[in-house]
Every structure is written in structure tokens, then in C-alpha cells.
């Protein structure tokens, strides 16, 4: 796809994650048949205004990561997102999080974020990777001087990275918030939940991770895992042996994506908060107690919602695109006001 921008940005980032919506069976009579949760994928393509620094601009972790209450809350939130979609959404419904949010003041754009465009689709990870790559080329982000690809440890995220973005020079960055969650829960499992020793261990591991000392962190966690022993095949999810072993595997798989001081010096983000908030904005339109989508309907609405969330001419290009079918409503009924 040809680039539509004359000048390449100085700094850019791509963030990828997944969301869920309720689907229903195709080719059925009127009504909802065989409902179930379906995954969709979303990506943020960002230009950034963060400066490049010779020294690490933030060598110490943020205070919220070192506050026991706030760290526990963040770790619990990240852990819930790692769970199975049905379990996670059932938990949200029980807490009332599925209710419609009241309209409020629009959030200000993050000071480091210049322009965001959004890609969202029900497509497979392979097809979605091509969609995101096309958007990156359209905006010329592949020609940026500094560029990062930020996501959690989900395998398909890194398959997309290796297929499309690694060759363009994008730096793979493991989302620090998900890493924090693994460190927090493995420390709690190893030293006893709620004990001072657990917090001391978590804080030490967190500082090592923030400072990019991945090998040191992996070495100590490997010693803890060896002390606890290998987890049996039939052990519970909360078994300390399994919790620490899974965290150790997560670190080993992502050790090359944890050089956080370097990323901060280059002005690149180390958390995928941009795409996390975008998914919440997508969910506000596609999720609801009475919303059960056919796949084509979900795909069409995700594409339209992504265009509206994008901060360039994506909406205008969407409506200017020729369509093989006539409009279902009067002309210009759904066109955004000029």
C-alpha cells in the first residue's frame, strides 16, 4: 500500500491486543442461537512526540508499582485479562462492569501521543497481521527513525511481529504491566500470600525488571522454582509450583524484549495502555447484554468503529469507498457531521 504521508515520523509504535464480543450461530431462524464469546483483534498505530535521551529518563519505577495496594490491584487486573474470555467476562458481569457507562468528559489525549489510527477485525491472526502491516505502510510508520511493537506475551502477537515488523526494524517490547503481574503473583506464591517476604521479593524483582536486568531476574526465579519443585500435571492453577513455573517460562520466552532502559532512552512506550484503552472504546459499542453478533455484522461494525476512533481521515475514506450494495438507510444518514 502506498504511503499517504510526505514525511516519516521520528518515533512510532504499534500496539496489538485482543478483545471479545458475544456472537451467535449463522444461518439460523430469527433470534439468538448458540451464543458464545468470540475474540476480535485490535491494533493502535501511533506517532509519538517523546524525545530521545542519552540517559534513562526514568531510572526508578513509578511509585504506583511500589505501592502495595495499587500494585496488587494492577496485578489482579492483568491476571483477570489473561484468563479465558468466558470466565473473565462472567467475573466482570458479576461486578457490574458490563453495565453501560454514563457519558462524561472526553479524556485528553496523552501528552506523548500525536496521532492514533485503529485497526480492528474478527479476522484470523494471520490475516489481521496483513491488515496492520498495510496501515503501518499507509502512514509511513515503517520509515520512522525509532519504532516499537508493544504487546503482551500472547504467541500470535509475536508471530505477527516476526512476520511483518521485525524486518522493518521495529523493536519488540514486552508490555511491562503484564510482566508486573507475573512477578507479583509468583512472589506471592513463593513466599506466602500477603507476607512481608513476598512484598520484598516482588519489589526486588520489579526493580530488576525495570532496570533491564532480565538474566539476573530469571536466574533467581529459576532458583525459586527449583526449590519448590516441578508442578505435577494435575495440580491446581493456584499451586505455587505452577504459578512460579509459568512465570519463569514467560520470562525465558520474552527475555529479549525486556531491555526497558533502552526503550525509554529511545522514547518508546513500554506498556500497551494505548491499545488497552482503545479496546474499551471498541467494547462500548460492540458489547452489551442484548448484543449477539453474526460474524459479518461484527466485522462491519468493528471496521466502522475503528475508523471513528482514528485521528486522521479514516472516517471520510470509509464513506468514500465504493460499495457493491445499496444503502440500508437514506443517503448521508450515518455520515458524521461536517
Protein backbone atom coordinates (compact mmCIF):
# COMPACT_ATOMS: atom_id res chain seq x y z
CA UNK A 1 0.00 0.00 0.00
CA UNK A 2 1.43 3.44 -0.91
CA UNK A 3 2.29 5.83 1.89
CA UNK A 4 -0.13 8.78 2.16
CA UNK A 5 2.23 10.93 4.22
CA UNK A 6 5.05 13.02 2.78
CA UNK A 7 7.31 12.87 5.82
CA UNK A 8 8.08 9.88 8.03
CA UNK A 9 7.55 10.38 11.78
CA UNK A 10 10.50 10.49 14.15
CA UNK A 11 9.02 7.98 16.63
CA UNK A 12 6.23 5.45 16.13
CA UNK A 13 4.70 2.49 17.93
CA UNK A 14 2.33 -0.35 17.13
CA UNK A 15 0.34 -1.97 19.95
CA UNK A 16 -1.66 -5.17 19.47
CA UNK A 17 -4.15 -6.91 21.75
CA UNK A 18 -7.42 -8.84 21.65
CA UNK A 19 -10.97 -8.21 22.85
CA UNK A 20 -14.16 -10.27 23.00
CA UNK A 21 -17.79 -9.88 21.97
CA UNK A 22 -20.82 -12.14 22.03
CA UNK A 23 -21.52 -13.99 18.78
CA UNK A 24 -24.34 -16.25 17.61
CA UNK A 25 -24.78 -19.06 15.12
CA UNK A 26 -25.07 -18.30 11.40
CA UNK A 27 -27.90 -19.49 9.10
CA UNK A 28 -30.46 -19.81 11.89
CA UNK A 29 -34.04 -18.53 12.27
CA UNK A 30 -34.71 -15.18 13.89
CA UNK A 31 -33.38 -14.92 17.40
CA UNK A 32 -30.18 -15.84 19.20
CA UNK A 33 -28.94 -19.39 18.64
CA UNK A 34 -25.81 -20.95 20.14
CA UNK A 35 -24.42 -17.74 21.70
CA UNK A 36 -20.81 -17.63 22.77
CA UNK A 37 -17.84 -15.37 23.22
CA UNK A 38 -15.75 -14.64 20.15
CA UNK A 39 -12.38 -12.93 20.00
CA UNK A 40 -11.61 -9.92 17.89
CA UNK A 41 -8.22 -8.29 17.41
CA UNK A 42 -7.26 -4.64 17.65
CA UNK A 43 -4.16 -2.57 16.99
CA UNK A 44 -3.13 1.03 17.61
CA UNK A 45 -0.72 2.67 15.20
CA UNK A 46 0.79 5.71 16.90
CA UNK A 47 3.09 8.58 16.13
CA UNK A 48 4.78 9.88 19.28
CA UNK A 49 6.36 13.09 20.49
CA UNK A 50 8.62 11.60 23.17
CA UNK A 51 12.25 12.78 22.99
CA UNK A 52 15.34 10.62 22.62
CA UNK A 53 17.64 10.75 25.67
CA UNK A 54 21.27 9.85 26.23
CA UNK A 55 20.41 8.71 29.76
CA UNK A 56 17.45 6.73 31.05
CA UNK A 57 14.77 9.41 31.64
CA UNK A 58 13.15 7.38 34.44
CA UNK A 59 15.65 5.02 36.10
CA UNK A 60 13.35 4.35 39.07
CA UNK A 61 9.99 2.55 38.79
CA UNK A 62 6.81 4.65 39.13
CA UNK A 63 5.53 4.97 42.70
CA UNK A 64 2.29 3.16 41.84
CA UNK A 65 4.26 0.00 41.05
CA UNK A 66 5.81 0.18 44.53
CA UNK A 67 2.58 0.87 46.40
CA UNK A 68 1.20 -2.39 47.90
CA UNK A 69 -2.47 -1.58 47.27
CA UNK A 70 -2.09 -0.21 43.75
CA UNK A 71 0.37 -2.92 42.70
CA UNK A 72 -2.00 -5.65 43.95
CA UNK A 73 -4.91 -4.07 42.10
CA UNK A 74 -2.95 -3.81 38.84
CA UNK A 75 -1.64 -7.37 39.15
CA UNK A 76 -5.17 -8.68 39.74
CA UNK A 77 -6.49 -6.79 36.71
CA UNK A 78 -3.74 -8.15 34.44
CA UNK A 79 -4.28 -11.67 35.78
CA UNK A 80 -8.01 -11.45 35.03
CA UNK A 81 -7.28 -10.41 31.46
CA UNK A 82 -5.07 -13.46 30.97
CA UNK A 83 -7.95 -15.79 31.86
CA UNK A 84 -10.35 -17.46 29.46
CA UNK A 85 -12.79 -14.96 27.88
CA UNK A 86 -15.94 -16.62 29.28
CA UNK A 87 -14.54 -16.73 32.81
CA UNK A 88 -13.23 -13.20 32.62
CA UNK A 89 -16.46 -11.72 31.31
CA UNK A 90 -18.58 -13.64 33.79
CA UNK A 91 -16.47 -12.09 36.55
CA UNK A 92 -16.97 -8.62 35.07
CA UNK A 93 -20.73 -9.10 34.82
CA UNK A 94 -20.89 -10.18 38.46
CA UNK A 95 -19.13 -6.96 39.45
CA UNK A 96 -21.41 -4.87 37.28
CA UNK A 97 -18.71 -3.87 34.82
CA UNK A 98 -20.86 -4.87 31.87
CA UNK A 99 -23.30 -2.00 32.51
CA UNK A 100 -23.39 0.93 30.15
CA UNK A 101 -21.09 3.70 31.20
CA UNK A 102 -22.51 7.15 31.76
CA UNK A 103 -21.42 9.85 29.36
CA UNK A 104 -18.69 12.04 30.79
CA UNK A 105 -15.98 14.40 29.77
CA UNK A 106 -13.81 13.25 26.91
CA UNK A 107 -10.36 12.21 28.04
CA UNK A 108 -7.48 14.35 26.95
CA UNK A 109 -5.03 12.79 24.56
CA UNK A 110 -1.89 11.54 26.25
CA UNK A 111 0.80 14.19 26.02
CA UNK A 112 3.22 11.81 24.30
CA UNK A 113 0.69 10.68 21.69
CA UNK A 114 0.34 12.68 18.47
CA UNK A 115 -1.88 10.72 16.06
CA UNK A 116 -3.61 7.39 16.63
CA UNK A 117 -5.21 5.19 13.99
CA UNK A 118 -7.01 1.97 14.84
CA UNK A 119 -7.38 -1.40 13.13
CA UNK A 120 -9.96 -3.89 14.45
CA UNK A 121 -11.21 -7.12 12.93
CA UNK A 122 -12.69 -10.57 13.52
CA UNK A 123 -10.09 -11.99 11.11
CA UNK A 124 -7.58 -14.68 11.95
CA UNK A 125 -4.23 -13.59 13.37
CA UNK A 126 -2.51 -14.19 10.02
CA UNK A 127 -4.99 -12.03 8.08
CA UNK A 128 -5.04 -9.41 10.82
CA UNK A 129 -1.27 -9.12 10.63
CA UNK A 130 -1.54 -8.12 6.97
CA UNK A 131 -4.20 -5.53 7.85
CA UNK A 132 -1.99 -3.90 10.47
CA UNK A 133 1.06 -4.01 8.18
CA UNK A 134 -0.95 -2.25 5.45
CA UNK A 135 -1.96 0.50 7.89
CA UNK A 136 1.63 0.94 9.03
CA UNK A 137 2.78 1.34 5.43
CA UNK A 138 -0.08 3.71 4.61
CA UNK A 139 1.06 6.02 7.41
CA UNK A 140 4.77 5.58 6.75
CA UNK A 141 5.45 4.32 10.26
CA UNK A 142 7.80 1.68 8.87
CA UNK A 143 10.16 4.55 7.93
CA UNK A 144 10.25 6.11 11.40
CA UNK A 145 13.69 6.53 12.99
CA UNK A 146 12.65 4.85 16.26
CA UNK A 147 9.78 2.38 16.29
CA UNK A 148 8.47 -0.16 18.76
CA UNK A 149 6.00 -3.03 18.73
CA UNK A 150 4.39 -3.42 22.17
CA UNK A 151 2.17 -6.27 23.33
CA UNK A 152 1.86 -8.98 25.97
CA UNK A 153 3.31 -12.47 25.67
CA UNK A 154 0.46 -13.93 23.58
CA UNK A 155 2.03 -16.16 20.93
CA UNK A 156 0.08 -14.84 17.94
CA UNK A 157 1.12 -11.26 18.76
CA UNK A 158 4.76 -12.19 18.30
CA UNK A 159 4.04 -14.29 15.23
CA UNK A 160 2.63 -11.12 13.63
CA UNK A 161 5.74 -9.22 14.75
CA UNK A 162 8.16 -11.75 13.29
CA UNK A 163 6.26 -11.97 10.00
CA UNK A 164 5.83 -8.25 9.34
CA UNK A 165 7.52 -5.85 11.75
CA UNK A 166 10.88 -7.35 12.64
CA UNK A 167 12.20 -6.84 9.10
CA UNK A 168 11.16 -3.16 9.23
CA UNK A 169 13.31 -2.61 12.30
CA UNK A 170 10.53 -2.40 14.88
CA UNK A 171 11.82 -3.20 18.37
CA UNK A 172 9.80 -5.89 20.13
CA UNK A 173 8.77 -4.73 23.63
CA UNK A 174 7.04 -6.88 26.24
CA UNK A 175 4.21 -4.98 27.93
CA UNK A 176 5.52 -4.11 31.39
CA UNK A 177 2.12 -4.24 33.11
CA UNK A 178 1.66 -7.91 32.20
CA UNK A 179 5.21 -8.64 33.32
CA UNK A 180 4.49 -6.92 36.65
CA UNK A 181 1.52 -9.25 37.18
CA UNK A 182 3.66 -12.35 36.68
CA UNK A 183 6.27 -11.03 39.09
CA UNK A 184 3.72 -10.11 41.74
CA UNK A 185 1.83 -13.42 41.77
CA UNK A 186 4.95 -15.57 41.58
CA UNK A 187 6.42 -13.70 44.57
CA UNK A 188 3.17 -14.20 46.49
CA UNK A 189 3.16 -17.90 45.61
CA UNK A 190 6.82 -18.43 46.51
CA UNK A 191 6.91 -16.58 49.83
CA UNK A 192 3.33 -16.80 51.07
CA UNK A 193 0.41 -14.57 50.11
CA UNK A 194 0.39 -11.26 51.94
CA UNK A 195 3.65 -11.80 53.81
CA UNK A 196 6.40 -9.15 54.11
CA UNK A 197 8.80 -11.57 52.42
CA UNK A 198 6.51 -11.77 49.38
CA UNK A 199 6.47 -7.98 49.02
CA UNK A 200 10.24 -7.74 49.45
CA UNK A 201 10.76 -10.36 46.75
CA UNK A 202 8.29 -8.67 44.39
CA UNK A 203 9.93 -5.27 44.86
CA UNK A 204 13.40 -6.68 44.19
CA UNK A 205 12.21 -8.48 41.06
CA UNK A 206 10.32 -5.43 39.86
CA UNK A 207 13.39 -3.19 40.18
CA UNK A 208 15.49 -5.72 38.27
CA UNK A 209 12.89 -5.88 35.51
CA UNK A 210 12.58 -2.09 35.32
CA UNK A 211 16.35 -1.83 35.09
CA UNK A 212 16.55 -4.36 32.27
CA UNK A 213 18.34 -7.00 34.35
CA UNK A 214 16.45 -9.87 32.76
CA UNK A 215 19.14 -12.52 33.25
CA UNK A 216 19.51 -11.72 36.94
CA UNK A 217 15.75 -11.91 37.39
CA UNK A 218 15.46 -15.20 35.52
CA UNK A 219 18.35 -16.69 37.49
CA UNK A 220 16.77 -16.02 40.88
CA UNK A 221 13.32 -17.12 39.78
CA UNK A 222 14.83 -20.35 38.43
CA UNK A 223 16.33 -20.97 41.89
CA UNK A 224 12.91 -20.40 43.49
CA UNK A 225 11.27 -22.77 41.03
CA UNK A 226 13.89 -25.45 41.72
CA UNK A 227 13.35 -25.05 45.47
CA UNK A 228 9.58 -25.50 45.11
CA UNK A 229 9.89 -28.40 42.68
CA UNK A 230 8.27 -29.18 39.36
CA UNK A 231 4.45 -28.85 39.27
CA UNK A 232 2.51 -32.12 38.87
CA UNK A 233 0.29 -32.42 35.80
CA UNK A 234 -2.90 -32.47 37.87
CA UNK A 235 -2.05 -29.61 40.24
CA UNK A 236 -4.39 -26.66 40.77
CA UNK A 237 -3.97 -23.37 38.91
CA UNK A 238 -3.00 -21.61 42.17
CA UNK A 239 -0.40 -24.20 43.16
CA UNK A 240 2.80 -22.23 43.95
CA UNK A 241 4.89 -24.63 41.88
CA UNK A 242 2.74 -24.00 38.82
CA UNK A 243 2.50 -20.24 39.32
CA UNK A 244 6.28 -19.82 39.56
CA UNK A 245 6.99 -22.27 36.73
CA UNK A 246 4.62 -20.40 34.39
CA UNK A 247 6.17 -17.06 35.32
CA UNK A 248 9.66 -18.46 34.70
CA UNK A 249 8.61 -19.75 31.27
CA UNK A 250 7.09 -16.34 30.48
CA UNK A 251 10.36 -14.59 31.34
CA UNK A 252 12.50 -17.00 29.37
CA UNK A 253 10.30 -16.70 26.28
CA UNK A 254 10.44 -12.89 26.39
CA UNK A 255 13.94 -12.20 27.74
CA UNK A 256 14.98 -10.41 24.50
CA UNK A 257 12.05 -7.97 24.83
CA UNK A 258 12.84 -6.67 28.32
CA UNK A 259 15.58 -4.08 27.78
CA UNK A 260 13.40 -1.32 29.24
CA UNK A 261 16.12 1.31 29.89
CA UNK A 262 16.99 1.24 26.17
CA UNK A 263 13.34 1.60 25.16
CA UNK A 264 12.88 4.58 27.47
CA UNK A 265 16.01 6.25 26.10
CA UNK A 266 14.60 5.89 22.57
CA UNK A 267 11.31 7.47 23.62
CA UNK A 268 9.32 4.27 23.08
CA UNK A 269 6.41 3.17 25.29
CA UNK A 270 6.87 0.09 27.48
CA UNK A 271 3.19 -0.51 28.28
CA UNK A 272 0.34 -1.26 25.89
CA UNK A 273 -2.04 1.15 27.62
CA UNK A 274 -2.88 2.75 24.27
CA UNK A 275 -4.46 -0.38 22.81
CA UNK A 276 -5.98 -1.38 26.16
CA UNK A 277 -7.95 1.88 26.28
CA UNK A 278 -8.84 1.51 22.59
CA UNK A 279 -10.36 -1.91 23.25
CA UNK A 280 -12.51 -0.36 25.99
CA UNK A 281 -13.75 2.16 23.43
CA UNK A 282 -14.49 -0.63 20.96
CA UNK A 283 -16.26 -2.63 23.68
CA UNK A 284 -18.52 0.32 24.45
CA UNK A 285 -20.09 -0.21 21.01
CA UNK A 286 -19.99 -3.97 20.48
CA UNK A 287 -20.68 -5.27 23.99
CA UNK A 288 -23.99 -5.30 25.80
CA UNK A 289 -26.47 -7.64 27.43
CA UNK A 290 -28.61 -7.79 24.25
CA UNK A 291 -25.85 -7.71 21.63
CA UNK A 292 -25.20 -11.03 19.87
CA UNK A 293 -23.37 -10.61 16.59
CA UNK A 294 -23.16 -12.54 13.38
CA UNK A 295 -19.54 -12.52 12.25
CA UNK A 296 -20.12 -10.28 9.21
CA UNK A 297 -22.07 -7.77 11.28
CA UNK A 298 -19.40 -7.70 13.97
CA UNK A 299 -16.68 -7.24 11.35
CA UNK A 300 -18.51 -4.35 9.67
CA UNK A 301 -19.12 -2.54 12.96
CA UNK A 302 -15.54 -3.04 14.18
CA UNK A 303 -14.20 -1.53 10.96
CA UNK A 304 -16.56 1.46 11.25
CA UNK A 305 -15.84 1.98 14.95
CA UNK A 306 -12.08 1.78 14.30
CA UNK A 307 -12.43 4.45 11.62
CA UNK A 308 -14.27 6.76 14.04
CA UNK A 309 -11.61 6.22 16.72
CA UNK A 310 -8.80 7.05 14.31
CA UNK A 311 -7.46 10.59 14.42
CA UNK A 312 -6.96 11.15 10.70
CA UNK A 313 -9.19 10.98 7.62
CA UNK A 314 -10.14 7.31 8.11
CA UNK A 315 -13.86 8.06 8.53
CA UNK A 316 -14.02 10.10 5.33
CA UNK A 317 -12.15 7.41 3.41
CA UNK A 318 -14.56 4.80 4.80
CA UNK A 319 -17.63 6.63 3.46
CA UNK A 320 -15.98 7.49 0.15
CA UNK A 321 -15.17 3.85 -0.54
CA UNK A 322 -17.42 2.29 -3.24
CA UNK A 323 -19.80 -0.41 -2.03
CA UNK A 324 -21.43 -3.22 -4.03
CA UNK A 325 -24.77 -2.98 -2.14
CA UNK A 326 -27.19 -0.04 -1.83
CA UNK A 327 -27.51 1.82 1.47
CA UNK A 328 -29.92 0.35 4.01
CA UNK A 329 -30.93 3.88 5.11
CA UNK A 330 -31.26 7.25 3.46
CA UNK A 331 -28.23 8.92 1.92
CA UNK A 332 -25.93 10.59 4.43
CA UNK A 333 -27.92 9.33 7.43
CA UNK A 334 -24.81 7.82 9.04
CA UNK A 335 -22.22 10.24 7.70
CA UNK A 336 -20.51 12.17 10.52
CA UNK A 337 -21.50 15.85 10.72
CA UNK A 338 -19.21 18.22 8.86
